Amino acid sequence: MAHTESAMTARQSWIGTLQIISAAVCWGTLGIFSTYLNQLGFSGWQVTILRIVTAALIVLFMLPKLYPQLLKLSAKQWGGLVLQSLIGVLGMSLCYFFAVIYVGAGPAVALLYTAPVFSLLFSAVLLQEPITRQSALLALVAVFGVGLTMAGDGAQVNWGIGLGLLAGVCYSLYGVLGKRAMHYAHPAPLVFFTSIIISAGALLLLPETYRTYGQLSTLPLATWGYALGLSLIGTVVPFALYMKALEKLPATRASVFTIFEPLTAIALAILLLNQSLSLVQYLGVMLILLAALFNALLNGTTTRVPRWLRRRPKSF
């Protein structure tokens, strides 16, 4: 019986790992889609609008299934989901896309991946997940590797650096606050659904949203494809995968595996944008891969399904 339970736990762990990696690869396409949209005249603010509002229109198809669960949420539960949405979705998107404008796509995605370090701290405070020496070391190695990937870009200290780091803070809080919300709420799709809808609702209050879609309507059909890719491939699919993976993995480990996003972003930049890397940047990529590999090998059979999935939800 114990052997069977251990095997099931190990299987859940590996499924969660694959979901995280798949989500990270999808997120890695954001830089490509946003770059194409920037070249067509859309600002970082407008790219954020296109990403979130279009994604909200896509997930509205989930409304009939989730509506009964939405009605059961209390005011305090809604408060937690609003906080998770505005910080983890809208806040991260705004900071990230504006950082791309100030320092470029490479340094921006590197700064975004300071998230594992922030996640260690927030998970300890908000989720009471212990910070092991192994987790801390792997996260630091990954972040150091990401730092090396931006070394060859000559990024200067400016607003972009601060915005990139703030994007990392928001990125880590998306997972931590999302998992915290699932303590008292309901399944992962509900958290994902509300996070997108709440942020989109806030953006629909702004006139710039309507100007952005008006501008989009005057451009070739391929531009709509970029906006759809930004929202579906870069948002809906990875967010859904990420939230499902958090049911199987601690937030700290999940954040470490999302470092596959900068690897994907760098690879796509080389293939599609003809951008090359320096030797130092390739060293950074190697460190990121090694951190992810050792994390999988050392923790792959020890990560358990969180206990809160097997007990009655707590009150907020």
Foldseek 3Di string as FASTA:
>chain_A
DVVVQLVVLLVLLVLLLVLLLLLLLLQLCLQVLLVVVVVVPDALVLLLLLQLQVLLVVCVVCCVVCVVQVVVDDPVLLVLLLVLQCLQRSLLSSLLRVLCVQFNNLVLVLLLLLLLVLLQVLCCVQVVDDDDPLLVVLSVLLSVLSVLLCVVSPGDDDVSNVSSNSSNNSNSSNLNSLLSSCLAGPALVVSLNSSSVSSNVVVVVDPVSVVSVVVVVVDDPVSVVSSVSSHVSNPDSSSSSNSVSVQSAPSSLSSLSSSSSSVSNVVCCCVPVVDDTDPSSVSSVVSSVVSNVVSCVVCSSPGGRDCSVVDHRDDD
